[in-house]
Protein backbone atom coordinates (compact mmCIF):
# COMPACT_ATOMS: atom_id res chain seq x y z
CA MET A 1 132.55 18.74 -39.01
CA LYS A 2 133.15 20.98 -35.44
CA LEU A 3 132.05 23.98 -36.58
CA ARG A 4 128.60 22.45 -38.45
CA ALA A 5 127.92 21.07 -34.87
CA TYR A 6 128.33 24.58 -33.28
CA LEU A 7 126.51 26.63 -36.08
CA LEU A 8 123.40 24.13 -35.89
CA MET A 9 123.39 24.00 -31.80
CA LEU A 10 123.21 27.91 -32.07
CA PHE A 11 120.47 27.60 -34.68
CA VAL A 12 118.66 24.67 -32.10
CA VAL A 13 119.36 27.09 -28.90
CA ALA A 14 117.32 30.22 -30.69
CA VAL A 15 114.24 28.39 -32.42
CA TRP A 16 113.72 27.28 -28.09
CA GLY A 17 114.42 30.67 -27.56
CA SER A 18 111.87 32.00 -30.51
CA THR A 19 109.49 29.54 -29.40
CA PHE A 20 108.91 31.42 -26.02
CA VAL A 21 107.36 34.25 -27.84
CA LEU A 22 105.73 32.11 -30.58
CA ILE A 23 103.83 29.71 -27.64
CA LYS A 24 102.46 32.19 -25.41
CA SER A 25 101.03 34.40 -28.71
CA ALA A 26 99.24 31.12 -30.54
CA LEU A 27 98.01 30.13 -26.46
CA THR A 28 95.20 32.79 -27.20
CA ASP A 29 93.91 30.35 -29.54
CA ALA A 30 94.20 27.20 -27.73
CA THR A 31 94.14 26.61 -23.94
CA PRO A 32 97.72 25.12 -22.73
CA ALA A 33 97.61 21.92 -21.80
CA ALA A 34 95.30 20.89 -25.07
CA PHE A 35 98.69 22.66 -27.21
CA ASN A 36 100.84 20.69 -25.39
CA LEU A 37 99.04 16.82 -26.04
CA VAL A 38 99.02 18.21 -29.82
CA ARG A 39 102.59 19.17 -29.84
CA MET A 40 104.04 16.06 -28.33
CA SER A 41 101.43 13.79 -30.36
CA LEU A 42 103.16 15.29 -33.47
CA ALA A 43 106.52 14.92 -32.47
CA PHE A 44 105.82 11.48 -31.56
CA GLY A 45 104.50 11.34 -35.06
CA PHE A 46 107.58 12.91 -36.90
CA LEU A 47 109.99 10.32 -34.77
CA ALA A 48 107.92 7.50 -35.59
CA VAL A 49 108.54 8.29 -39.18
CA ALA A 50 112.33 9.07 -38.88
CA TYR A 51 113.60 5.95 -36.72
CA HIS A 52 110.84 3.38 -37.55
CA ARG A 53 113.48 0.58 -38.18
CA SER A 54 113.97 0.89 -34.36
CA TRP A 55 110.81 -0.42 -33.28
CA GLN A 56 112.19 -3.83 -33.47
CA GLY A 57 114.70 -2.89 -30.74
CA ILE A 58 112.36 -1.86 -28.59
CA ARG A 59 112.42 -4.82 -25.40
CA LEU A 60 110.27 -4.42 -22.55
CA SER A 61 112.78 -2.84 -19.85
CA HIS A 62 112.89 -0.07 -22.68
CA LEU A 63 108.85 0.53 -21.84
CA ALA A 64 109.53 1.44 -17.85
CA ALA A 65 112.45 3.95 -19.10
CA GLY A 66 110.80 5.63 -21.39
CA ALA A 67 108.05 6.09 -19.20
CA VAL A 68 109.73 7.25 -16.46
CA VAL A 69 111.59 9.79 -18.65
CA GLY A 70 108.58 10.69 -20.68
CA PHE A 71 106.55 11.45 -16.78
CA PHE A 72 109.06 14.27 -16.24
CA LEU A 73 109.41 15.80 -20.12
CA ALA A 74 105.44 16.04 -19.47
CA ALA A 75 105.44 17.09 -16.45
CA GLY A 76 108.02 20.17 -17.63
CA TYR A 77 106.17 21.30 -19.84
CA GLN A 78 102.97 21.03 -18.88
CA PHE A 79 104.59 23.37 -16.04
CA GLN A 80 105.92 25.65 -18.12
CA THR A 81 103.28 26.07 -20.64
CA ILE A 82 100.30 26.78 -18.19
CA GLY A 83 102.70 28.96 -16.46
CA LEU A 84 103.79 30.76 -19.94
CA VAL A 85 100.15 31.79 -20.17
CA ARG A 86 100.16 34.03 -16.54
CA THR A 87 103.74 34.97 -17.27
CA THR A 88 105.70 36.64 -19.65
CA PRO A 89 108.24 35.05 -22.70
CA SER A 90 111.41 35.88 -21.11
CA LYS A 91 110.74 35.39 -17.41
CA SER A 92 109.63 31.94 -18.59
CA ALA A 93 113.28 31.48 -20.30
CA PHE A 94 115.11 32.73 -17.28
CA ILE A 95 113.23 30.58 -15.15
CA THR A 96 113.11 27.28 -17.52
CA GLY A 97 117.17 27.70 -17.34
CA LEU A 98 117.08 27.07 -14.23
CA VAL A 99 117.48 23.57 -14.47
CA VAL A 100 121.64 23.81 -15.57
CA VAL A 101 121.61 24.48 -11.77
CA LEU A 102 118.76 22.35 -10.22
CA VAL A 103 120.45 19.33 -12.69
CA PRO A 104 123.95 18.99 -10.35
CA LEU A 105 122.19 20.49 -6.83
CA PHE A 106 119.55 17.44 -7.03
CA SER A 107 122.65 15.04 -7.84
CA SER A 108 124.37 16.37 -4.85
CA ILE A 109 121.89 13.46 -3.54
CA PRO A 110 123.35 9.94 -3.52
CA ALA A 111 120.06 8.54 -4.52
CA LEU A 112 119.98 10.74 -7.50
CA ARG A 113 123.09 10.38 -8.61
CA PRO A 114 123.55 9.99 -12.01
CA PRO A 115 126.31 6.51 -12.59
CA ASN A 116 130.09 7.13 -12.46
CA ALA A 117 129.13 10.88 -11.77
CA HIS A 118 131.41 13.05 -9.01
CA PRO A 119 130.02 14.42 -5.91
CA THR A 120 128.49 17.86 -6.15
CA ARG A 121 131.40 20.65 -6.30
CA TRP A 122 131.48 24.20 -4.65
CA ASN A 123 131.08 25.76 -8.11
CA ALA A 124 127.60 23.75 -7.60
CA TYR A 125 126.08 25.59 -4.92
CA THR A 126 127.41 29.08 -5.56
CA GLY A 127 126.13 28.90 -9.08
CA ALA A 128 122.51 27.52 -7.25
CA ALA A 129 123.09 30.87 -4.88
CA LEU A 130 123.13 33.50 -7.02
CA ALA A 131 120.22 31.63 -9.32
CA PHE A 132 118.04 31.59 -6.52
CA MET A 133 118.83 35.36 -5.92
CA GLY A 134 118.19 36.44 -9.35
CA ILE A 135 114.44 34.50 -9.64
CA LEU A 136 113.55 36.81 -6.50
CA LEU A 137 114.57 39.51 -8.01
CA LEU A 138 113.21 38.76 -11.51
CA THR A 139 109.95 37.52 -10.18
CA VAL A 140 109.40 38.96 -6.94
CA PRO A 141 107.87 43.20 -6.69
CA SER A 142 109.63 44.63 -4.09
CA THR A 143 108.41 46.47 -1.26
CA THR A 144 106.57 48.88 -1.28
CA GLN A 145 105.53 51.87 1.59
CA PRO A 146 101.77 52.70 1.74
CA HIS A 147 102.48 56.16 3.73
CA GLY A 148 104.85 57.84 1.43
CA PRO A 149 108.76 58.20 1.00
CA THR A 150 110.75 56.79 4.49
CA ALA A 151 114.12 55.98 5.80
CA PHE A 152 113.43 52.52 4.83
CA ASP A 153 112.68 53.16 1.04
CA GLY A 154 116.08 51.75 -0.18
CA VAL A 155 116.00 48.81 1.85
CA ALA A 156 112.65 48.26 1.35
CA ALA A 157 113.43 48.26 -3.04
CA LEU A 158 115.66 45.41 -2.19
CA LEU A 159 113.12 43.00 0.23
CA PRO A 160 111.05 40.94 -1.86
CA ASP A 161 106.90 41.25 -1.63
CA PHE A 162 106.05 37.24 -1.58
CA SER A 163 101.94 38.32 -1.38
CA SER A 164 102.73 40.45 -4.69
CA ILE A 165 104.13 36.79 -6.51
CA ASN A 166 103.10 35.48 -10.14
CA LEU A 167 101.65 32.61 -10.08
CA GLY A 168 102.69 31.78 -13.38
CA ASP A 169 106.39 32.42 -12.26
CA LEU A 170 105.37 30.06 -9.51
CA LEU A 171 104.01 27.32 -12.23
CA THR A 172 107.65 28.08 -14.39
CA PHE A 173 110.09 26.82 -11.28
CA GLY A 174 108.15 23.92 -11.59
CA CYS A 175 108.78 23.62 -15.07
CA SER A 176 112.15 23.87 -13.78
CA ILE A 177 111.99 21.01 -11.53
CA GLY A 178 110.76 18.83 -13.41
CA PHE A 179 112.72 19.27 -16.61
CA ALA A 180 115.54 18.67 -14.19
CA PHE A 181 114.26 15.49 -12.56
CA HIS A 182 113.81 14.30 -16.64
CA CYS A 183 117.36 15.60 -17.17
CA ILE A 184 118.45 13.18 -14.29
CA ALA A 185 116.44 10.10 -15.55
CA LEU A 186 117.75 10.22 -18.28
CA SER A 187 121.32 10.07 -17.37
CA HIS A 188 120.43 6.99 -15.58
CA VAL A 189 118.92 5.35 -18.60
CA SER A 190 120.67 7.08 -21.68
CA PRO A 191 123.93 4.68 -21.40
CA ARG A 192 121.76 1.13 -21.47
CA ILE A 193 119.39 2.28 -24.28
CA PRO A 194 119.81 3.49 -27.78
CA PHE A 195 118.81 7.01 -28.32
CA GLN A 196 116.67 6.64 -31.20
CA PRO A 197 113.77 3.69 -28.90
CA LEU A 198 114.71 6.59 -26.01
CA ALA A 199 113.61 9.16 -27.83
CA LEU A 200 110.40 7.35 -29.54
CA LEU A 201 109.30 6.27 -25.92
CA GLN A 202 109.92 9.39 -24.38
CA VAL A 203 108.16 11.25 -26.30
CA GLY A 204 105.66 8.89 -27.00
CA PHE A 205 105.14 8.61 -23.24
CA CYS A 206 104.61 12.07 -22.66
CA ALA A 207 101.92 12.61 -25.33
CA VAL A 208 100.08 9.83 -23.15
CA PHE A 209 100.54 11.72 -19.67
CA MET A 210 99.28 14.58 -21.23
CA ALA A 211 96.34 13.12 -22.89
CA ILE A 212 95.40 11.25 -19.21
CA SER A 213 96.62 14.76 -16.80
CA LEU A 214 94.51 16.75 -20.10
CA PRO A 215 90.84 16.02 -18.53
CA MET A 216 92.20 16.92 -14.76
CA ILE A 217 94.19 20.05 -15.64
CA GLU A 218 91.05 22.02 -17.97
CA HIS A 219 88.44 21.77 -20.44
CA PRO A 220 90.70 21.93 -23.17
CA GLN A 221 90.08 24.32 -26.30
CA LEU A 222 91.60 24.64 -29.98
CA LEU A 223 91.11 27.58 -32.96
CA PHE A 224 92.69 26.14 -35.66
CA THR A 225 93.91 29.69 -36.81
CA PRO A 226 96.71 30.81 -38.96
CA ARG A 227 98.43 31.70 -36.03
CA LEU A 228 97.89 28.79 -34.10
CA VAL A 229 98.42 25.98 -36.76
CA VAL A 230 102.38 27.92 -37.49
CA ALA A 231 102.87 27.44 -34.20
CA LEU A 232 102.13 23.69 -33.51
CA ALA A 233 104.30 23.11 -36.61
CA ILE A 234 107.33 24.84 -35.46
CA ALA A 235 106.90 23.73 -31.67
CA SER A 236 106.72 20.09 -32.80
CA ALA A 237 108.63 19.98 -36.12
CA LEU A 238 112.16 21.92 -35.78
CA ALA A 239 111.78 22.63 -31.34
CA THR A 240 110.99 18.82 -30.52
CA ALA A 241 111.77 16.34 -33.40
CA ALA A 242 114.54 17.85 -34.99
CA ALA A 243 115.77 19.83 -32.01
CA PHE A 244 116.08 17.03 -30.15
CA SER A 245 117.70 14.48 -33.23
CA ILE A 246 120.30 17.65 -33.25
CA GLN A 247 121.15 18.02 -29.76
CA SER A 248 121.79 14.40 -29.28
CA TRP A 249 123.75 14.27 -32.50
CA ALA A 250 125.84 17.36 -31.38
CA GLN A 251 126.63 15.78 -28.14
CA ALA A 252 128.51 13.94 -29.47
CA ILE A 253 130.91 15.44 -30.46
CA LEU A 254 131.41 18.76 -28.95
CA PRO A 255 132.11 18.54 -24.81
CA SER A 256 129.11 18.31 -22.97
CA THR A 257 130.45 22.09 -21.48
CA HIS A 258 130.22 23.78 -24.60
CA ILE A 259 126.53 22.16 -25.01
CA ALA A 260 125.45 23.58 -21.82
CA LEU A 261 127.22 26.69 -22.37
CA LEU A 262 125.39 27.27 -25.67
CA LEU A 263 121.96 26.31 -23.65
CA THR A 264 122.65 29.40 -21.40
CA MET A 265 122.04 31.67 -24.31
CA GLU A 266 118.29 30.14 -24.31
CA PRO A 267 116.88 32.94 -22.23
CA VAL A 268 119.03 35.14 -23.87
CA PHE A 269 117.31 34.54 -27.48
CA ALA A 270 113.81 34.42 -25.80
CA TRP A 271 114.26 38.38 -24.25
CA ILE A 272 115.47 39.41 -27.65
CA ALA A 273 112.34 37.48 -29.84
CA SER A 274 109.95 39.42 -26.72
CA PHE A 275 111.42 42.90 -27.06
CA LEU A 276 111.29 42.64 -30.88
CA PHE A 277 107.41 41.02 -31.01
CA MET A 278 106.19 42.10 -28.08
CA ARG A 279 107.85 45.19 -27.04
CA GLU A 280 108.82 43.17 -23.14
CA ARG A 281 111.06 45.16 -21.47
CA LEU A 282 112.86 44.26 -18.51
CA GLY A 283 112.90 47.06 -15.62
CA LEU A 284 116.36 47.73 -13.81
CA ARG A 285 115.40 45.02 -11.32
CA PRO A 286 114.52 42.52 -13.04
CA ALA A 287 117.20 42.68 -15.42
CA VAL A 288 119.24 42.71 -12.77
CA GLY A 289 117.84 39.60 -11.72
CA ALA A 290 118.47 37.73 -14.99
CA LEU A 291 121.99 38.47 -14.69
CA LEU A 292 122.56 36.96 -11.52
CA ILE A 293 120.43 34.07 -12.88
CA LEU A 294 122.89 34.06 -16.08
CA ALA A 295 125.85 34.18 -14.13
CA GLY A 296 124.50 31.37 -12.02
CA ILE A 297 124.06 28.74 -15.12
CA ALA A 298 127.56 29.76 -16.38
CA LEU A 299 129.79 29.54 -12.76
CA THR A 300 127.84 25.94 -12.58
CA GLU A 301 128.75 24.48 -15.88
CA LEU A 302 132.37 26.62 -16.85
CA ILE A 303 133.62 24.52 -14.14
CA PRO A 304 131.64 21.46 -14.21
CA PRO A 305 132.34 17.73 -12.99
CA PRO A 306 133.75 15.28 -15.08
CA HIS A 307 130.73 13.84 -15.85
CA VAL A 308 126.99 16.49 -16.96
CA PRO A 309 123.76 15.04 -17.65
CA SER A 310 122.20 17.12 -20.14
CA ALA A 311 119.19 17.66 -21.38
CA HIS A 312 116.64 20.12 -22.52
CA GLU A 313 113.77 22.30 -20.60
CA ALA A 314 111.67 23.52 -23.33
């Protein structure tokens, strides 16, 4: 049973990582918010059929919890997909992976700390520092000298040039914050609500919030090409409905630290897919940044607190 859980979770992480490239390509035929709305509506349809017996167990208090969790889920996906238009799949995946670092960091605030959770420990702060150093190297170009080589070139190569920062990377960082609050919100409500109605409600409310925000974000456009249809089918059925269900099942069998460690592979799968299908290559500076992010995530999760809230960012 455990071997099956490990293999299925590895499959889920590979699907999540690959969808960065898949969706990046599909956004040629659709605006990002419109893509998200269709994706989440389809995912809600799949879950509504799969968990049709759970409708009767939904209470009024469940609706409020589902709305809060769905709001942060929608915020995370909106920032992620809009940012993906303006950045590369591998960068998007590595920045999204910061959610694993941000959750214990935000949980150090007593008002946000999940029930029965212990205070954030040293490894979370150290991991956050490493990850944020990595995000600077990954996303912010180095300072250049306009007047030719100087004695300060070596120092300048390490200093970030914030005037050249990519808007897509900033938006994607907003996505990691949204997913971190989604994870914390889940930790507060999931002990009180069965998984099936919670899954239905959060995905349903996520679609509602996406529909409300759509006209505020863009003029939606959809061109239903084979590429877009395949991307929507995989993103909604595999990467959302099926993956969410598999993760929840696996978390009941595997230790949370093992789940979190498997999730650190998501940006690695995204980079592999981006390299194979889009010929994306990371230079030395962003590659070092990516490794620092992975090191920060691993440090945060390899020495976990007694209670580790967990939920996916993508």
